[in-house]
Amino acid sequence: MTAHSAIVTATTAGVRTGGPREDGPKIVEHVMGWALVVVVAMLVTQLGLL
């Protein structure tokens, strides 16, 4: 096994890299995303950037 084939095998074997899990509740992700949008919109209007 060469170094290149070892790297390809390791990366395609489903190794987790610490990213978000796919089986988590999607509603929490959506609510937090919209909360961030609201906070940024409030900050923009308070600073007069709009």
PDB file of N, CA and C in Angstrom:
ATOM      1  N   MET A   1       0.850  -1.180   0.000  1.00  0.00           N
ATOM      2  CA  MET A   1       0.000   0.000   0.000  1.00  0.00           C
ATOM      3  C   MET A   1       0.893   1.239   0.000  1.00  0.00           C
ATOM      4  N   THR A   2       0.703   2.089  -0.972  1.00  0.00           N
ATOM      5  CA  THR A   2       1.498   3.306  -1.038  1.00  0.00           C
ATOM      6  C   THR A   2       0.883   4.370  -0.140  1.00  0.00           C
ATOM      7  N   ALA A   3       1.599   5.464   0.043  1.00  0.00           N
ATOM      8  CA  ALA A   3       1.103   6.536   0.899  1.00  0.00           C
ATOM      9  C   ALA A   3      -0.164   7.143   0.306  1.00  0.00           C
ATOM     10  N   HIS A   4      -0.199   7.293  -1.010  1.00  0.00           N
ATOM     11  CA  HIS A   4      -1.369   7.883  -1.651  1.00  0.00           C
ATOM     12  C   HIS A   4      -2.601   6.994  -1.480  1.00  0.00           C
ATOM     13  N   SER A   5      -2.458   5.693  -1.676  1.00  0.00           N
ATOM     14  CA  SER A   5      -3.608   4.809  -1.528  1.00  0.00           C
ATOM     15  C   SER A   5      -4.051   4.714  -0.078  1.00  0.00           C
ATOM     16  N   ALA A   6      -3.131   4.876   0.873  1.00  0.00           N
ATOM     17  CA  ALA A   6      -3.500   4.875   2.287  1.00  0.00           C
ATOM     18  C   ALA A   6      -4.319   6.107   2.630  1.00  0.00           C
ATOM     19  N   ILE A   7      -3.940   7.249   2.060  1.00  0.00           N
ATOM     20  CA  ILE A   7      -4.679   8.480   2.307  1.00  0.00           C
ATOM     21  C   ILE A   7      -6.075   8.389   1.693  1.00  0.00           C
ATOM     22  N   VAL A   8      -6.156   7.897   0.467  1.00  0.00           N
ATOM     23  CA  VAL A   8      -7.455   7.769  -0.202  1.00  0.00           C
ATOM     24  C   VAL A   8      -8.345   6.804   0.566  1.00  0.00           C
ATOM     25  N   THR A   9      -7.801   5.694   1.035  1.00  0.00           N
ATOM     26  CA  THR A   9      -8.582   4.726   1.789  1.00  0.00           C
ATOM     27  C   THR A   9      -9.062   5.328   3.100  1.00  0.00           C
ATOM     28  N   ALA A  10      -8.220   6.083   3.783  1.00  0.00           N
ATOM     29  CA  ALA A  10      -8.586   6.676   5.065  1.00  0.00           C
ATOM     30  C   ALA A  10      -9.650   7.751   4.898  1.00  0.00           C
ATOM     31  N   THR A  11      -9.585   8.526   3.816  1.00  0.00           N
ATOM     32  CA  THR A  11     -10.539   9.608   3.640  1.00  0.00           C
ATOM     33  C   THR A  11     -11.874   9.116   3.108  1.00  0.00           C
ATOM     34  N   THR A  12     -11.898   7.981   2.450  1.00  0.00           N
ATOM     35  CA  THR A  12     -13.159   7.483   1.905  1.00  0.00           C
ATOM     36  C   THR A  12     -13.803   6.434   2.795  1.00  0.00           C
ATOM     37  N   ALA A  13     -13.211   6.160   3.955  1.00  0.00           N
ATOM     38  CA  ALA A  13     -13.733   5.118   4.834  1.00  0.00           C
ATOM     39  C   ALA A  13     -14.779   5.654   5.804  1.00  0.00           C
ATOM     40  N   GLY A  14     -15.224   6.873   5.629  1.00  0.00           N
ATOM     41  CA  GLY A  14     -16.247   7.433   6.506  1.00  0.00           C
ATOM     42  C   GLY A  14     -15.681   7.952   7.816  1.00  0.00           C
ATOM     43  N   VAL A  15     -14.487   8.489   7.790  1.00  0.00           N
ATOM     44  CA  VAL A  15     -13.860   9.021   8.991  1.00  0.00           C
ATOM     45  C   VAL A  15     -14.558  10.318   9.374  1.00  0.00           C
ATOM     46  N   ARG A  16     -14.974  10.427  10.637  1.00  0.00           N
ATOM     47  CA  ARG A  16     -15.626  11.650  11.107  1.00  0.00           C
ATOM     48  C   ARG A  16     -14.586  12.710  11.401  1.00  0.00           C
ATOM     49  N   THR A  17     -14.874  13.953  11.046  1.00  0.00           N
ATOM     50  CA  THR A  17     -13.930  15.038  11.247  1.00  0.00           C
ATOM     51  C   THR A  17     -14.403  16.030  12.299  1.00  0.00           C
ATOM     52  N   GLY A  18     -15.433  15.720  13.045  1.00  0.00           N
ATOM     53  CA  GLY A  18     -15.916  16.613  14.089  1.00  0.00           C
ATOM     54  C   GLY A  18     -16.988  17.572  13.630  1.00  0.00           C
ATOM     55  N   GLY A  19     -17.525  17.385  12.452  1.00  0.00           N
ATOM     56  CA  GLY A  19     -18.578  18.256  11.951  1.00  0.00           C
ATOM     57  C   GLY A  19     -19.913  17.947  12.609  1.00  0.00           C
ATOM     58  N   PRO A  20     -20.958  18.700  12.247  1.00  0.00           N
ATOM     59  CA  PRO A  20     -22.272  18.451  12.839  1.00  0.00           C
ATOM     60  C   PRO A  20     -22.818  17.094  12.431  1.00  0.00           C
ATOM     61  N   ARG A  21     -23.540  16.491  13.322  1.00  0.00           N
ATOM     62  CA  ARG A  21     -24.134  15.186  13.035  1.00  0.00           C
ATOM     63  C   ARG A  21     -25.344  15.348  12.136  1.00  0.00           C
ATOM     64  N   GLU A  22     -25.584  14.360  11.309  1.00  0.00           N
ATOM     65  CA  GLU A  22     -26.712  14.420  10.382  1.00  0.00           C
ATOM     66  C   GLU A  22     -28.023  13.998  11.040  1.00  0.00           C
ATOM     67  N   ASP A  23     -27.960  13.367  12.220  1.00  0.00           N
ATOM     68  CA  ASP A  23     -29.163  12.832  12.835  1.00  0.00           C
ATOM     69  C   ASP A  23     -29.744  13.741  13.915  1.00  0.00           C
ATOM     70  N   GLY A  24     -29.217  14.948  14.039  1.00  0.00           N
ATOM     71  CA  GLY A  24     -29.688  15.864  15.078  1.00  0.00           C
ATOM     72  C   GLY A  24     -31.006  16.516  14.686  1.00  0.00           C
ATOM     73  N   PRO A  25     -31.648  17.189  15.648  1.00  0.00           N
ATOM     74  CA  PRO A  25     -32.920  17.866  15.354  1.00  0.00           C
ATOM     75  C   PRO A  25     -32.700  19.086  14.466  1.00  0.00           C
ATOM     76  N   LYS A  26     -33.358  19.091  13.329  1.00  0.00           N
ATOM     77  CA  LYS A  26     -33.175  20.182  12.372  1.00  0.00           C
ATOM     78  C   LYS A  26     -33.878  21.456  12.826  1.00  0.00           C
ATOM     79  N   ILE A  27     -34.916  21.349  13.660  1.00  0.00           N
ATOM     80  CA  ILE A  27     -35.655  22.534  14.087  1.00  0.00           C
ATOM     81  C   ILE A  27     -34.775  23.456  14.920  1.00  0.00           C
ATOM     82  N   VAL A  28     -33.891  22.878  15.736  1.00  0.00           N
ATOM     83  CA  VAL A  28     -32.993  23.701  16.549  1.00  0.00           C
ATOM     84  C   VAL A  28     -32.049  24.496  15.651  1.00  0.00           C
ATOM     85  N   GLU A  29     -31.562  23.853  14.612  1.00  0.00           N
ATOM     86  CA  GLU A  29     -30.666  24.522  13.673  1.00  0.00           C
ATOM     87  C   GLU A  29     -31.377  25.676  12.977  1.00  0.00           C
ATOM     88  N   HIS A  30     -32.624  25.471  12.585  1.00  0.00           N
ATOM     89  CA  HIS A  30     -33.389  26.526  11.904  1.00  0.00           C
ATOM     90  C   HIS A  30     -33.690  27.683  12.853  1.00  0.00           C
ATOM     91  N   VAL A  31     -34.073  27.372  14.080  1.00  0.00           N
ATOM     92  CA  VAL A  31     -34.397  28.427  15.047  1.00  0.00           C
ATOM     93  C   VAL A  31     -33.160  29.253  15.362  1.00  0.00           C
ATOM     94  N   MET A  32     -32.022  28.599  15.560  1.00  0.00           N
ATOM     95  CA  MET A  32     -30.794  29.340  15.851  1.00  0.00           C
ATOM     96  C   MET A  32     -30.351  30.175  14.650  1.00  0.00           C
ATOM     97  N   GLY A  33     -30.568  29.672  13.456  1.00  0.00           N
ATOM     98  CA  GLY A  33     -30.238  30.436  12.262  1.00  0.00           C
ATOM     99  C   GLY A  33     -31.080  31.699  12.138  1.00  0.00           C
ATOM    100  N   TRP A  34     -32.380  31.558  12.372  1.00  0.00           N
ATOM    101  CA  TRP A  34     -33.258  32.725  12.299  1.00  0.00           C
ATOM    102  C   TRP A  34     -32.991  33.701  13.437  1.00  0.00           C
ATOM    103  N   ALA A  35     -32.623  33.193  14.605  1.00  0.00           N
ATOM    104  CA  ALA A  35     -32.265  34.083  15.711  1.00  0.00           C
ATOM    105  C   ALA A  35     -31.029  34.908  15.344  1.00  0.00           C
ATOM    106  N   LEU A  36     -30.063  34.283  14.686  1.00  0.00           N
ATOM    107  CA  LEU A  36     -28.879  35.011  14.240  1.00  0.00           C
ATOM    108  C   LEU A  36     -29.241  36.077  13.216  1.00  0.00           C
ATOM    109  N   VAL A  37     -30.148  35.757  12.312  1.00  0.00           N
ATOM    110  CA  VAL A  37     -30.595  36.732  11.307  1.00  0.00           C
ATOM    111  C   VAL A  37     -31.247  37.935  11.980  1.00  0.00           C
ATOM    112  N   VAL A  38     -32.074  37.689  12.977  1.00  0.00           N
ATOM    113  CA  VAL A  38     -32.755  38.777  13.678  1.00  0.00           C
ATOM    114  C   VAL A  38     -31.754  39.642  14.433  1.00  0.00           C
ATOM    115  N   VAL A  39     -30.803  39.020  15.102  1.00  0.00           N
ATOM    116  CA  VAL A  39     -29.796  39.780  15.857  1.00  0.00           C
ATOM    117  C   VAL A  39     -28.959  40.644  14.921  1.00  0.00           C
ATOM    118  N   VAL A  40     -28.560  40.106  13.789  1.00  0.00           N
ATOM    119  CA  VAL A  40     -27.776  40.891  12.830  1.00  0.00           C
ATOM    120  C   VAL A  40     -28.612  42.033  12.269  1.00  0.00           C
ATOM    121  N   ALA A  41     -29.889  41.791  11.988  1.00  0.00           N
ATOM    122  CA  ALA A  41     -30.757  42.858  11.477  1.00  0.00           C
ATOM    123  C   ALA A  41     -30.935  43.964  12.524  1.00  0.00           C
ATOM    124  N   MET A  42     -31.087  43.590  13.781  1.00  0.00           N
ATOM    125  CA  MET A  42     -31.205  44.595  14.833  1.00  0.00           C
ATOM    126  C   MET A  42     -29.920  45.411  14.970  1.00  0.00           C
ATOM    127  N   LEU A  43     -28.781  44.743  14.870  1.00  0.00           N
ATOM    128  CA  LEU A  43     -27.499  45.435  14.971  1.00  0.00           C
ATOM    129  C   LEU A  43     -27.321  46.412  13.801  1.00  0.00           C
ATOM    130  N   VAL A  44     -27.674  45.987  12.613  1.00  0.00           N
ATOM    131  CA  VAL A  44     -27.534  46.837  11.426  1.00  0.00           C
ATOM    132  C   VAL A  44     -28.418  48.078  11.552  1.00  0.00           C
ATOM    133  N   THR A  45     -29.644  47.902  12.006  1.00  0.00           N
ATOM    134  CA  THR A  45     -30.541  49.061  12.120  1.00  0.00           C
ATOM    135  C   THR A  45     -30.126  49.975  13.262  1.00  0.00           C
ATOM    136  N   GLN A  46     -29.644  49.431  14.366  1.00  0.00           N
ATOM    137  CA  GLN A  46     -29.204  50.271  15.474  1.00  0.00           C
ATOM    138  C   GLN A  46     -27.960  51.093  15.127  1.00  0.00           C
ATOM    139  N   LEU A  47     -27.093  50.515  14.319  1.00  0.00           N
ATOM    140  CA  LEU A  47     -25.886  51.248  13.931  1.00  0.00           C
ATOM    141  C   LEU A  47     -26.133  52.187  12.747  1.00  0.00           C
ATOM    142  N   GLY A  48     -27.301  52.117  12.150  1.00  0.00           N
ATOM    143  CA  GLY A  48     -27.626  52.994  11.042  1.00  0.00           C
ATOM    144  C   GLY A  48     -26.932  52.634   9.759  1.00  0.00           C
ATOM    145  N   LEU A  49     -26.625  51.370   9.590  1.00  0.00           N
ATOM    146  CA  LEU A  49     -25.928  50.930   8.382  1.00  0.00           C
ATOM    147  C   LEU A  49     -26.865  50.640   7.234  1.00  0.00           C
ATOM    148  N   LEU A  50     -28.146  50.695   7.469  1.00  0.00           N
ATOM    149  CA  LEU A  50     -29.114  50.382   6.412  1.00  0.00           C
ATOM    150  C   LEU A  50     -29.723  51.647   5.877  1.00  0.00           C
TER     151      LEU A  50
END
